[in-house]
Amino acid sequence: MRRLDALVHLSVGSATRTQPPATPQNGARFLVAADP
């Protein structure tokens, strides 16, 4: 059920980062863009 809930209620904290955050919070989701 948790996996289904994560897929259905998917949200992203940021989609413009080129590196993952140094200290992400548990459950935080980020899209890491390609380095230009």
C-alpha atoms as a PDB file:
ATOM      1  CA  MET A   1       0.000   0.000   0.000  1.00  0.00           C
ATOM      2  CA  ARG A   2       2.865   2.405   0.711  1.00  0.00           C
ATOM      3  CA  ARG A   3       4.271   1.916  -2.780  1.00  0.00           C
ATOM      4  CA  LEU A   4       0.868   2.507  -4.328  1.00  0.00           C
ATOM      5  CA  ASP A   5       0.378   5.605  -2.176  1.00  0.00           C
ATOM      6  CA  ALA A   6       3.790   6.960  -3.230  1.00  0.00           C
ATOM      7  CA  LEU A   7       2.945   6.495  -6.912  1.00  0.00           C
ATOM      8  CA  VAL A   8      -0.540   7.952  -6.696  1.00  0.00           C
ATOM      9  CA  HIS A   9       0.503  10.974  -4.621  1.00  0.00           C
ATOM     10  CA  LEU A  10       3.865  11.572  -6.267  1.00  0.00           C
ATOM     11  CA  SER A  11       5.274  15.040  -5.724  1.00  0.00           C
ATOM     12  CA  VAL A  12       8.726  16.433  -6.405  1.00  0.00           C
ATOM     13  CA  GLY A  13      10.555  18.999  -4.270  1.00  0.00           C
ATOM     14  CA  SER A  14      12.695  20.320  -7.132  1.00  0.00           C
ATOM     15  CA  ALA A  15      13.262  19.519 -10.792  1.00  0.00           C
ATOM     16  CA  THR A  16      16.060  21.994 -11.512  1.00  0.00           C
ATOM     17  CA  ARG A  17      18.919  20.626  -9.399  1.00  0.00           C
ATOM     18  CA  THR A  18      22.013  19.239 -11.112  1.00  0.00           C
ATOM     19  CA  GLN A  19      23.189  17.396  -7.969  1.00  0.00           C
ATOM     20  CA  PRO A  20      21.260  15.524  -5.300  1.00  0.00           C
ATOM     21  CA  PRO A  21      20.713  17.403  -2.020  1.00  0.00           C
ATOM     22  CA  ALA A  22      23.408  16.899   0.625  1.00  0.00           C
ATOM     23  CA  THR A  23      20.944  16.058   3.410  1.00  0.00           C
ATOM     24  CA  PRO A  24      17.533  15.100   1.991  1.00  0.00           C
ATOM     25  CA  GLN A  25      14.646  14.547   4.368  1.00  0.00           C
ATOM     26  CA  ASN A  26      13.245  11.053   4.667  1.00  0.00           C
ATOM     27  CA  GLY A  27      10.733  10.538   1.856  1.00  0.00           C
ATOM     28  CA  ALA A  28      11.773  13.641  -0.115  1.00  0.00           C
ATOM     29  CA  ARG A  29      11.855  13.241  -3.899  1.00  0.00           C
ATOM     30  CA  PHE A  30      13.981  15.206  -6.342  1.00  0.00           C
ATOM     31  CA  LEU A  31      14.518  15.061 -10.079  1.00  0.00           C
ATOM     32  CA  VAL A  32      18.206  15.550 -10.776  1.00  0.00           C
ATOM     33  CA  ALA A  33      18.717  17.223 -14.147  1.00  0.00           C
ATOM     34  CA  ALA A  34      21.601  16.444 -16.467  1.00  0.00           C
ATOM     35  CA  ASP A  35      24.630  18.679 -16.086  1.00  0.00           C
ATOM     36  CA  PRO A  36      24.520  21.269 -18.917  1.00  0.00           C
END
